[in-house]
Amino acid sequence: MEGLEERVTAVEQRCKSNGHRIDKVEQEQAVIHELAASIRVMASEQKHTSDTIREVKEDVSRLDGKVDALELKPGKRWESIVEKIIWSVAGAVIAFVLARIGIG
């Protein structure tokens, strides 16, 4: 009987030890589950951020094209004015020559 009591006591101690170990594993499992949920949220946010960055880059590209067009506008206007001046001078020279010849 004495040997049986010692074995039961050993089994009870092992049972308590295993109970503590199981409690610790359950706590760690909860932490791992929470970590996995956080990673899922971060991945979702990263995808959203990537989509937003892509949209911003597209908007910047469109704006860059518009800015380039606006920057070229004064140059085109100046070229147009110079062209009109040249045509006016050429017309005046031709009118003067024609008047001297007696055609005008």
PDB file of N, CA and C in Angstrom:
ATOM      1  N   MET A   1       0.802  -1.171   0.000  1.00  0.00           N
ATOM      2  CA  MET A   1       0.000   0.000   0.000  1.00  0.00           C
ATOM      3  C   MET A   1       0.867   1.266   0.000  1.00  0.00           C
ATOM      4  N   GLU A   2       1.984   1.187   0.668  1.00  0.00           N
ATOM      5  CA  GLU A   2       2.865   2.340   0.744  1.00  0.00           C
ATOM      6  C   GLU A   2       3.378   2.716  -0.644  1.00  0.00           C
ATOM      7  N   GLY A   3       3.699   1.754  -1.461  1.00  0.00           N
ATOM      8  CA  GLY A   3       4.174   2.014  -2.821  1.00  0.00           C
ATOM      9  C   GLY A   3       3.094   2.651  -3.671  1.00  0.00           C
ATOM     10  N   LEU A   4       1.850   2.274  -3.447  1.00  0.00           N
ATOM     11  CA  LEU A   4       0.723   2.816  -4.193  1.00  0.00           C
ATOM     12  C   LEU A   4       0.503   4.287  -3.840  1.00  0.00           C
ATOM     13  N   GLU A   5       0.629   4.624  -2.555  1.00  0.00           N
ATOM     14  CA  GLU A   5       0.469   6.016  -2.130  1.00  0.00           C
ATOM     15  C   GLU A   5       1.527   6.903  -2.767  1.00  0.00           C
ATOM     16  N   GLU A   6       2.740   6.428  -2.817  1.00  0.00           N
ATOM     17  CA  GLU A   6       3.829   7.197  -3.424  1.00  0.00           C
ATOM     18  C   GLU A   6       3.570   7.394  -4.912  1.00  0.00           C
ATOM     19  N   ARG A   7       3.079   6.375  -5.560  1.00  0.00           N
ATOM     20  CA  ARG A   7       2.802   6.492  -6.995  1.00  0.00           C
ATOM     21  C   ARG A   7       1.641   7.459  -7.254  1.00  0.00           C
ATOM     22  N   VAL A   8       0.604   7.398  -6.420  1.00  0.00           N
ATOM     23  CA  VAL A   8      -0.531   8.318  -6.577  1.00  0.00           C
ATOM     24  C   VAL A   8      -0.067   9.746  -6.337  1.00  0.00           C
ATOM     25  N   THR A   9       0.761   9.945  -5.320  1.00  0.00           N
ATOM     26  CA  THR A   9       1.285  11.277  -5.027  1.00  0.00           C
ATOM     27  C   THR A   9       2.113  11.788  -6.202  1.00  0.00           C
ATOM     28  N   ALA A  10       2.937  10.932  -6.776  1.00  0.00           N
ATOM     29  CA  ALA A  10       3.761  11.320  -7.928  1.00  0.00           C
ATOM     30  C   ALA A  10       2.871  11.674  -9.114  1.00  0.00           C
ATOM     31  N   VAL A  11       1.824  10.897  -9.324  1.00  0.00           N
ATOM     32  CA  VAL A  11       0.907  11.162 -10.448  1.00  0.00           C
ATOM     33  C   VAL A  11       0.185  12.488 -10.222  1.00  0.00           C
ATOM     34  N   GLU A  12      -0.247  12.757  -8.985  1.00  0.00           N
ATOM     35  CA  GLU A  12      -0.922  14.021  -8.696  1.00  0.00           C
ATOM     36  C   GLU A  12       0.010  15.215  -8.927  1.00  0.00           C
ATOM     37  N   GLN A  13       1.272  15.085  -8.520  1.00  0.00           N
ATOM     38  CA  GLN A  13       2.235  16.160  -8.732  1.00  0.00           C
ATOM     39  C   GLN A  13       2.470  16.388 -10.225  1.00  0.00           C
ATOM     40  N   ARG A  14       2.596  15.283 -10.942  1.00  0.00           N
ATOM     41  CA  ARG A  14       2.791  15.400 -12.391  1.00  0.00           C
ATOM     42  C   ARG A  14       1.560  16.038 -13.031  1.00  0.00           C
ATOM     43  N   CYS A  15       0.384  15.694 -12.544  1.00  0.00           N
ATOM     44  CA  CYS A  15      -0.870  16.247 -13.062  1.00  0.00           C
ATOM     45  C   CYS A  15      -0.906  17.759 -12.844  1.00  0.00           C
ATOM     46  N   LYS A  16      -0.522  18.192 -11.631  1.00  0.00           N
ATOM     47  CA  LYS A  16      -0.471  19.630 -11.344  1.00  0.00           C
ATOM     48  C   LYS A  16       0.535  20.313 -12.253  1.00  0.00           C
ATOM     49  N   SER A  17       1.703  19.711 -12.406  1.00  0.00           N
ATOM     50  CA  SER A  17       2.748  20.274 -13.261  1.00  0.00           C
ATOM     51  C   SER A  17       2.242  20.390 -14.702  1.00  0.00           C
ATOM     52  N   ASN A  18       1.605  19.333 -15.182  1.00  0.00           N
ATOM     53  CA  ASN A  18       1.061  19.351 -16.543  1.00  0.00           C
ATOM     54  C   ASN A  18      -0.040  20.403 -16.679  1.00  0.00           C
ATOM     55  N   GLY A  19      -0.838  20.578 -15.626  1.00  0.00           N
ATOM     56  CA  GLY A  19      -1.886  21.611 -15.636  1.00  0.00           C
ATOM     57  C   GLY A  19      -1.290  22.999 -15.797  1.00  0.00           C
ATOM     58  N   HIS A  20      -0.196  23.274 -15.062  1.00  0.00           N
ATOM     59  CA  HIS A  20       0.480  24.568 -15.179  1.00  0.00           C
ATOM     60  C   HIS A  20       1.061  24.746 -16.583  1.00  0.00           C
ATOM     61  N   ARG A  21       1.638  23.685 -17.089  1.00  0.00           N
ATOM     62  CA  ARG A  21       2.219  23.754 -18.441  1.00  0.00           C
ATOM     63  C   ARG A  21       1.130  24.015 -19.483  1.00  0.00           C
ATOM     64  N   ILE A  22      -0.017  23.365 -19.325  1.00  0.00           N
ATOM     65  CA  ILE A  22      -1.122  23.568 -20.266  1.00  0.00           C
ATOM     66  C   ILE A  22      -1.630  25.012 -20.168  1.00  0.00           C
ATOM     67  N   ASP A  23      -1.742  25.536 -18.952  1.00  0.00           N
ATOM     68  CA  ASP A  23      -2.172  26.932 -18.784  1.00  0.00           C
ATOM     69  C   ASP A  23      -1.216  27.883 -19.502  1.00  0.00           C
ATOM     70  N   LYS A  24       0.084  27.623 -19.369  1.00  0.00           N
ATOM     71  CA  LYS A  24       1.082  28.472 -20.014  1.00  0.00           C
ATOM     72  C   LYS A  24       0.972  28.377 -21.533  1.00  0.00           C
ATOM     73  N   VAL A  25       0.774  27.174 -22.045  1.00  0.00           N
ATOM     74  CA  VAL A  25       0.630  26.974 -23.497  1.00  0.00           C
ATOM     75  C   VAL A  25      -0.618  27.706 -24.000  1.00  0.00           C
ATOM     76  N   GLU A  26      -1.721  27.651 -23.226  1.00  0.00           N
ATOM     77  CA  GLU A  26      -2.942  28.344 -23.629  1.00  0.00           C
ATOM     78  C   GLU A  26      -2.724  29.854 -23.689  1.00  0.00           C
ATOM     79  N   GLN A  27      -1.982  30.408 -22.728  1.00  0.00           N
ATOM     80  CA  GLN A  27      -1.683  31.842 -22.733  1.00  0.00           C
ATOM     81  C   GLN A  27      -0.840  32.206 -23.955  1.00  0.00           C
ATOM     82  N   GLU A  28       0.177  31.387 -24.217  1.00  0.00           N
ATOM     83  CA  GLU A  28       1.037  31.646 -25.369  1.00  0.00           C
ATOM     84  C   GLU A  28       0.247  31.520 -26.675  1.00  0.00           C
ATOM     85  N   GLN A  29      -0.668  30.559 -26.723  1.00  0.00           N
ATOM     86  CA  GLN A  29      -1.507  30.383 -27.910  1.00  0.00           C
ATOM     87  C   GLN A  29      -2.382  31.619 -28.130  1.00  0.00           C
ATOM     88  N   ALA A  30      -2.905  32.202 -27.052  1.00  0.00           N
ATOM     89  CA  ALA A  30      -3.719  33.417 -27.164  1.00  0.00           C
ATOM     90  C   ALA A  30      -2.880  34.568 -27.713  1.00  0.00           C
ATOM     91  N   VAL A  31      -1.641  34.674 -27.235  1.00  0.00           N
ATOM     92  CA  VAL A  31      -0.749  35.730 -27.720  1.00  0.00           C
ATOM     93  C   VAL A  31      -0.459  35.527 -29.205  1.00  0.00           C
ATOM     94  N   ILE A  32      -0.208  34.290 -29.613  1.00  0.00           N
ATOM     95  CA  ILE A  32       0.068  33.988 -31.021  1.00  0.00           C
ATOM     96  C   ILE A  32      -1.152  34.320 -31.881  1.00  0.00           C
ATOM     97  N   HIS A  33      -2.336  33.981 -31.392  1.00  0.00           N
ATOM     98  CA  HIS A  33      -3.563  34.287 -32.129  1.00  0.00           C
ATOM     99  C   HIS A  33      -3.728  35.798 -32.297  1.00  0.00           C
ATOM    100  N   GLU A  34      -3.463  36.551 -31.239  1.00  0.00           N
ATOM    101  CA  GLU A  34      -3.552  38.011 -31.303  1.00  0.00           C
ATOM    102  C   GLU A  34      -2.524  38.577 -32.282  1.00  0.00           C
ATOM    103  N   LEU A  35      -1.332  38.011 -32.274  1.00  0.00           N
ATOM    104  CA  LEU A  35      -0.286  38.441 -33.195  1.00  0.00           C
ATOM    105  C   LEU A  35      -0.702  38.183 -34.646  1.00  0.00           C
ATOM    106  N   ALA A  36      -1.281  37.021 -34.902  1.00  0.00           N
ATOM    107  CA  ALA A  36      -1.733  36.694 -36.260  1.00  0.00           C
ATOM    108  C   ALA A  36      -2.817  37.670 -36.703  1.00  0.00           C
ATOM    109  N   ALA A  37      -3.735  38.018 -35.808  1.00  0.00           N
ATOM    110  CA  ALA A  37      -4.786  38.981 -36.143  1.00  0.00           C
ATOM    111  C   ALA A  37      -4.176  40.347 -36.458  1.00  0.00           C
ATOM    112  N   SER A  38      -3.178  40.745 -35.682  1.00  0.00           N
ATOM    113  CA  SER A  38      -2.511  42.029 -35.931  1.00  0.00           C
ATOM    114  C   SER A  38      -1.809  42.029 -37.281  1.00  0.00           C
ATOM    115  N   ILE A  39      -1.184  40.932 -37.628  1.00  0.00           N
ATOM    116  CA  ILE A  39      -0.491  40.832 -38.918  1.00  0.00           C
ATOM    117  C   ILE A  39      -1.497  40.917 -40.061  1.00  0.00           C
ATOM    118  N   ARG A  40      -2.671  40.286 -39.882  1.00  0.00           N
ATOM    119  CA  ARG A  40      -3.711  40.373 -40.908  1.00  0.00           C
ATOM    120  C   ARG A  40      -4.137  41.830 -41.121  1.00  0.00           C
ATOM    121  N   VAL A  41      -4.320  42.561 -40.031  1.00  0.00           N
ATOM    122  CA  VAL A  41      -4.712  43.971 -40.120  1.00  0.00           C
ATOM    123  C   VAL A  41      -3.618  44.782 -40.806  1.00  0.00           C
ATOM    124  N   MET A  42      -2.367  44.542 -40.425  1.00  0.00           N
ATOM    125  CA  MET A  42      -1.249  45.269 -41.028  1.00  0.00           C
ATOM    126  C   MET A  42      -1.160  44.993 -42.525  1.00  0.00           C
ATOM    127  N   ALA A  43      -1.354  43.745 -42.928  1.00  0.00           N
ATOM    128  CA  ALA A  43      -1.298  43.398 -44.351  1.00  0.00           C
ATOM    129  C   ALA A  43      -2.402  44.112 -45.115  1.00  0.00           C
ATOM    130  N   SER A  44      -3.573  44.180 -44.520  1.00  0.00           N
ATOM    131  CA  SER A  44      -4.689  44.880 -45.155  1.00  0.00           C
ATOM    132  C   SER A  44      -4.378  46.369 -45.293  1.00  0.00           C
ATOM    133  N   GLU A  45      -3.843  46.955 -44.239  1.00  0.00           N
ATOM    134  CA  GLU A  45      -3.482  48.373 -44.280  1.00  0.00           C
ATOM    135  C   GLU A  45      -2.371  48.627 -45.290  1.00  0.00           C
ATOM    136  N   GLN A  46      -1.429  47.705 -45.384  1.00  0.00           N
ATOM    137  CA  GLN A  46      -0.325  47.851 -46.346  1.00  0.00           C
ATOM    138  C   GLN A  46      -0.873  47.847 -47.768  1.00  0.00           C
ATOM    139  N   LYS A  47      -1.822  46.949 -48.039  1.00  0.00           N
ATOM    140  CA  LYS A  47      -2.421  46.890 -49.370  1.00  0.00           C
ATOM    141  C   LYS A  47      -3.135  48.197 -49.662  1.00  0.00           C
ATOM    142  N   HIS A  48      -3.882  48.693 -48.683  1.00  0.00           N
ATOM    143  CA  HIS A  48      -4.595  49.965 -48.868  1.00  0.00           C
ATOM    144  C   HIS A  48      -3.592  51.093 -49.103  1.00  0.00           C
ATOM    145  N   THR A  49      -2.503  51.108 -48.342  1.00  0.00           N
ATOM    146  CA  THR A  49      -1.477  52.133 -48.498  1.00  0.00           C
ATOM    147  C   THR A  49      -0.833  52.043 -49.874  1.00  0.00           C
ATOM    148  N   SER A  50      -0.559  50.819 -50.337  1.00  0.00           N
ATOM    149  CA  SER A  50       0.039  50.634 -51.662  1.00  0.00           C
ATOM    150  C   SER A  50      -0.898  51.149 -52.750  1.00  0.00           C
ATOM    151  N   ASP A  51      -2.193  50.858 -52.609  1.00  0.00           N
ATOM    152  CA  ASP A  51      -3.174  51.345 -53.582  1.00  0.00           C
ATOM    153  C   ASP A  51      -3.211  52.869 -53.577  1.00  0.00           C
ATOM    154  N   THR A  52      -3.169  53.462 -52.390  1.00  0.00           N
ATOM    155  CA  THR A  52      -3.202  54.921 -52.274  1.00  0.00           C
ATOM    156  C   THR A  52      -1.952  55.536 -52.891  1.00  0.00           C
ATOM    157  N   ILE A  53      -0.807  54.938 -52.636  1.00  0.00           N
ATOM    158  CA  ILE A  53       0.451  55.449 -53.208  1.00  0.00           C
ATOM    159  C   ILE A  53       0.394  55.385 -54.725  1.00  0.00           C
ATOM    160  N   ARG A  54      -0.123  54.283 -55.264  1.00  0.00           N
ATOM    161  CA  ARG A  54      -0.235  54.135 -56.720  1.00  0.00           C
ATOM    162  C   ARG A  54      -1.144  55.232 -57.279  1.00  0.00           C
ATOM    163  N   GLU A  55      -2.267  55.498 -56.615  1.00  0.00           N
ATOM    164  CA  GLU A  55      -3.187  56.545 -57.070  1.00  0.00           C
ATOM    165  C   GLU A  55      -2.520  57.917 -57.011  1.00  0.00           C
ATOM    166  N   VAL A  56      -1.770  58.175 -55.953  1.00  0.00           N
ATOM    167  CA  VAL A  56      -1.078  59.464 -55.818  1.00  0.00           C
ATOM    168  C   VAL A  56      -0.048  59.621 -56.936  1.00  0.00           C
ATOM    169  N   LYS A  57       0.681  58.560 -57.247  1.00  0.00           N
ATOM    170  CA  LYS A  57       1.672  58.630 -58.330  1.00  0.00           C
ATOM    171  C   LYS A  57       0.996  58.933 -59.661  1.00  0.00           C
ATOM    172  N   GLU A  58      -0.156  58.302 -59.919  1.00  0.00           N
ATOM    173  CA  GLU A  58      -0.880  58.572 -61.158  1.00  0.00           C
ATOM    174  C   GLU A  58      -1.347  60.020 -61.203  1.00  0.00           C
ATOM    175  N   ASP A  59      -1.854  60.529 -60.077  1.00  0.00           N
ATOM    176  CA  ASP A  59      -2.302  61.920 -60.022  1.00  0.00           C
ATOM    177  C   ASP A  59      -1.131  62.877 -60.255  1.00  0.00           C
ATOM    178  N   VAL A  60       0.017  62.572 -59.656  1.00  0.00           N
ATOM    179  CA  VAL A  60       1.197  63.421 -59.832  1.00  0.00           C
ATOM    180  C   VAL A  60       1.637  63.411 -61.297  1.00  0.00           C
ATOM    181  N   SER A  61       1.580  62.258 -61.946  1.00  0.00           N
ATOM    182  CA  SER A  61       1.953  62.179 -63.363  1.00  0.00           C
ATOM    183  C   SER A  61       1.029  63.039 -64.213  1.00  0.00           C
ATOM    184  N   ARG A  62      -0.281  62.964 -63.937  1.00  0.00           N
ATOM    185  CA  ARG A  62      -1.230  63.792 -64.695  1.00  0.00           C
ATOM    186  C   ARG A  62      -0.964  65.273 -64.446  1.00  0.00           C
ATOM    187  N   LEU A  63      -0.729  65.635 -63.186  1.00  0.00           N
ATOM    188  CA  LEU A  63      -0.457  67.031 -62.865  1.00  0.00           C
ATOM    189  C   LEU A  63       0.844  67.509 -63.500  1.00  0.00           C
ATOM    190  N   ASP A  64       1.827  66.622 -63.559  1.00  0.00           N
ATOM    191  CA  ASP A  64       3.109  66.975 -64.169  1.00  0.00           C
ATOM    192  C   ASP A  64       2.905  67.337 -65.634  1.00  0.00           C
ATOM    193  N   GLY A  65       2.076  66.558 -66.328  1.00  0.00           N
ATOM    194  CA  GLY A  65       1.775  66.860 -67.728  1.00  0.00           C
ATOM    195  C   GLY A  65       1.073  68.198 -67.877  1.00  0.00           C
ATOM    196  N   LYS A  66       0.144  68.492 -66.982  1.00  0.00           N
ATOM    197  CA  LYS A  66      -0.570  69.766 -67.037  1.00  0.00           C
ATOM    198  C   LYS A  66       0.374  70.933 -66.749  1.00  0.00           C
ATOM    199  N   VAL A  67       1.270  70.749 -65.783  1.00  0.00           N
ATOM    200  CA  VAL A  67       2.235  71.812 -65.456  1.00  0.00           C
ATOM    201  C   VAL A  67       3.151  72.064 -66.650  1.00  0.00           C
ATOM    202  N   ASP A  68       3.600  70.985 -67.292  1.00  0.00           N
ATOM    203  CA  ASP A  68       4.451  71.150 -68.482  1.00  0.00           C
ATOM    204  C   ASP A  68       3.723  71.950 -69.554  1.00  0.00           C
ATOM    205  N   ALA A  69       2.437  71.631 -69.775  1.00  0.00           N
ATOM    206  CA  ALA A  69       1.660  72.357 -70.777  1.00  0.00           C
ATOM    207  C   ALA A  69       1.538  73.831 -70.405  1.00  0.00           C
ATOM    208  N   LEU A  70       1.320  74.111 -69.118  1.00  0.00           N
ATOM    209  CA  LEU A  70       1.210  75.503 -68.682  1.00  0.00           C
ATOM    210  C   LEU A  70       2.545  76.246 -68.812  1.00  0.00           C
ATOM    211  N   GLU A  71       3.629  75.547 -68.559  1.00  0.00           N
ATOM    212  CA  GLU A  71       4.949  76.174 -68.688  1.00  0.00           C
ATOM    213  C   GLU A  71       5.262  76.498 -70.139  1.00  0.00           C
ATOM    214  N   LEU A  72       4.776  75.698 -71.068  1.00  0.00           N
ATOM    215  CA  LEU A  72       5.043  75.921 -72.485  1.00  0.00           C
ATOM    216  C   LEU A  72       4.157  77.019 -73.075  1.00  0.00           C
ATOM    217  N   LYS A  73       3.036  77.306 -72.440  1.00  0.00           N
ATOM    218  CA  LYS A  73       2.077  78.262 -72.981  1.00  0.00           C
ATOM    219  C   LYS A  73       2.684  79.652 -73.212  1.00  0.00           C
ATOM    220  N   PRO A  74       3.406  80.262 -72.267  1.00  0.00           N
ATOM    221  CA  PRO A  74       3.992  81.589 -72.533  1.00  0.00           C
ATOM    222  C   PRO A  74       4.984  81.544 -73.697  1.00  0.00           C
ATOM    223  N   GLY A  75       5.737  80.467 -73.815  1.00  0.00           N
ATOM    224  CA  GLY A  75       6.684  80.336 -74.920  1.00  0.00           C
ATOM    225  C   GLY A  75       5.962  80.291 -76.253  1.00  0.00           C
ATOM    226  N   LYS A  76       4.857  79.556 -76.300  1.00  0.00           N
ATOM    227  CA  LYS A  76       4.070  79.480 -77.531  1.00  0.00           C
ATOM    228  C   LYS A  76       3.467  80.840 -77.856  1.00  0.00           C
ATOM    229  N   ARG A  77       3.008  81.529 -76.813  1.00  0.00           N
ATOM    230  CA  ARG A  77       2.421  82.854 -77.013  1.00  0.00           C
ATOM    231  C   ARG A  77       3.484  83.798 -77.581  1.00  0.00           C
ATOM    232  N   TRP A  78       4.688  83.755 -77.033  1.00  0.00           N
ATOM    233  CA  TRP A  78       5.781  84.616 -77.510  1.00  0.00           C
ATOM    234  C   TRP A  78       6.111  84.285 -78.962  1.00  0.00           C
ATOM    235  N   GLU A  79       6.177  83.002 -79.293  1.00  0.00           N
ATOM    236  CA  GLU A  79       6.452  82.596 -80.674  1.00  0.00           C
ATOM    237  C   GLU A  79       5.372  83.116 -81.616  1.00  0.00           C
ATOM    238  N   SER A  80       4.131  83.076 -81.164  1.00  0.00           N
ATOM    239  CA  SER A  80       3.024  83.567 -81.982  1.00  0.00           C
ATOM    240  C   SER A  80       3.145  85.068 -82.217  1.00  0.00           C
ATOM    241  N   ILE A  81       3.514  85.809 -81.166  1.00  0.00           N
ATOM    242  CA  ILE A  81       3.671  87.258 -81.301  1.00  0.00           C
ATOM    243  C   ILE A  81       4.810  87.578 -82.256  1.00  0.00           C
ATOM    244  N   VAL A  82       5.935  86.900 -82.115  1.00  0.00           N
ATOM    245  CA  VAL A  82       7.083  87.131 -82.999  1.00  0.00           C
ATOM    246  C   VAL A  82       6.708  86.802 -84.437  1.00  0.00           C
ATOM    247  N   GLU A  83       5.985  85.700 -84.630  1.00  0.00           N
ATOM    248  CA  GLU A  83       5.562  85.314 -85.985  1.00  0.00           C
ATOM    249  C   GLU A  83       4.679  86.400 -86.600  1.00  0.00           C
ATOM    250  N   LYS A  84       3.756  86.964 -85.815  1.00  0.00           N
ATOM    251  CA  LYS A  84       2.866  88.022 -86.324  1.00  0.00           C
ATOM    252  C   LYS A  84       3.669  89.278 -86.660  1.00  0.00           C
ATOM    253  N   ILE A  85       4.657  89.604 -85.842  1.00  0.00           N
ATOM    254  CA  ILE A  85       5.500  90.772 -86.123  1.00  0.00           C
ATOM    255  C   ILE A  85       6.261  90.563 -87.424  1.00  0.00           C
ATOM    256  N   ILE A  86       6.817  89.360 -87.593  1.00  0.00           N
ATOM    257  CA  ILE A  86       7.574  89.062 -88.825  1.00  0.00           C
ATOM    258  C   ILE A  86       6.661  89.177 -90.040  1.00  0.00           C
ATOM    259  N   TRP A  87       5.449  88.621 -89.953  1.00  0.00           N
ATOM    260  CA  TRP A  87       4.510  88.700 -91.080  1.00  0.00           C
ATOM    261  C   TRP A  87       4.103  90.155 -91.352  1.00  0.00           C
ATOM    262  N   SER A  88       3.930  90.929 -90.282  1.00  0.00           N
ATOM    263  CA  SER A  88       3.564  92.345 -90.462  1.00  0.00           C
ATOM    264  C   SER A  88       4.685  93.104 -91.146  1.00  0.00           C
ATOM    265  N   VAL A  89       5.924  92.889 -90.713  1.00  0.00           N
ATOM    266  CA  VAL A  89       7.077  93.556 -91.331  1.00  0.00           C
ATOM    267  C   VAL A  89       7.213  93.104 -92.785  1.00  0.00           C
ATOM    268  N   ALA A  90       7.073  91.795 -93.008  1.00  0.00           N
ATOM    269  CA  ALA A  90       7.173  91.282 -94.385  1.00  0.00           C
ATOM    270  C   ALA A  90       6.074  91.895 -95.247  1.00  0.00           C
ATOM    271  N   GLY A  91       4.867  91.983 -94.715  1.00  0.00           N
ATOM    272  CA  GLY A  91       3.759  92.594 -95.477  1.00  0.00           C
ATOM    273  C   GLY A  91       4.036  94.053 -95.772  1.00  0.00           C
ATOM    274  N   ALA A  92       4.579  94.760 -94.788  1.00  0.00           N
ATOM    275  CA  ALA A  92       4.884  96.173 -94.986  1.00  0.00           C
ATOM    276  C   ALA A  92       5.969  96.343 -96.040  1.00  0.00           C
ATOM    277  N   VAL A  93       6.997  95.499 -95.998  1.00  0.00           N
ATOM    278  CA  VAL A  93       8.082  95.564 -96.990  1.00  0.00           C
ATOM    279  C   VAL A  93       7.521  95.282 -98.380  1.00  0.00           C
ATOM    280  N   ILE A  94       6.679  94.243 -98.483  1.00  0.00           N
ATOM    281  CA  ILE A  94       6.101  93.895 -99.791  1.00  0.00           C
ATOM    282  C   ILE A  94       5.207  95.044-100.280  1.00  0.00           C
ATOM    283  N   ALA A  95       4.405  95.638 -99.394  1.00  0.00           N
ATOM    284  CA  ALA A  95       3.548  96.757 -99.782  1.00  0.00           C
ATOM    285  C   ALA A  95       4.405  97.941-100.232  1.00  0.00           C
ATOM    286  N   PHE A  96       5.505  98.193 -99.526  1.00  0.00           N
ATOM    287  CA  PHE A  96       6.393  99.294 -99.899  1.00  0.00           C
ATOM    288  C   PHE A  96       7.012  99.055-101.275  1.00  0.00           C
ATOM    289  N   VAL A  97       7.475  97.812-101.482  1.00  0.00           N
ATOM    290  CA  VAL A  97       8.088  97.469-102.786  1.00  0.00           C
ATOM    291  C   VAL A  97       7.056  97.595-103.888  1.00  0.00           C
ATOM    292  N   LEU A  98       5.871  97.098-103.674  1.00  0.00           N
ATOM    293  CA  LEU A  98       4.825  97.187-104.691  1.00  0.00           C
ATOM    294  C   LEU A  98       4.447  98.637-104.959  1.00  0.00           C
ATOM    295  N   ALA A  99       4.423  99.469-103.941  1.00  0.00           N
ATOM    296  CA  ALA A  99       4.102 100.883-104.120  1.00  0.00           C
ATOM    297  C   ALA A  99       5.195 101.573-104.913  1.00  0.00           C
ATOM    298  N   ARG A 100       6.432 101.201-104.679  1.00  0.00           N
ATOM    299  CA  ARG A 100       7.558 101.809-105.421  1.00  0.00           C
ATOM    300  C   ARG A 100       7.541 101.402-106.885  1.00  0.00           C
ATOM    301  N   ILE A 101       7.109 100.172-107.115  1.00  0.00           N
ATOM    302  CA  ILE A 101       7.055  99.693-108.490  1.00  0.00           C
ATOM    303  C   ILE A 101       5.864 100.318-109.208  1.00  0.00           C
ATOM    304  N   GLY A 102       4.878 100.699-108.464  1.00  0.00           N
ATOM    305  CA  GLY A 102       3.694 101.329-109.041  1.00  0.00           C
ATOM    306  C   GLY A 102       2.534 100.371-109.159  1.00  0.00           C
ATOM    307  N   ILE A 103       2.600  99.231-108.519  1.00  0.00           N
ATOM    308  CA  ILE A 103       1.516  98.260-108.592  1.00  0.00           C
ATOM    309  C   ILE A 103       0.506  98.539-107.481  1.00  0.00           C
ATOM    310  N   GLY A 104       0.923  99.059-106.406  1.00  0.00           N
ATOM    311  CA  GLY A 104       0.064  99.217-105.256  1.00  0.00           C
ATOM    312  C   GLY A 104      -0.695 100.435-105.173  1.00  0.00           C
TER     313      GLY A 104
END
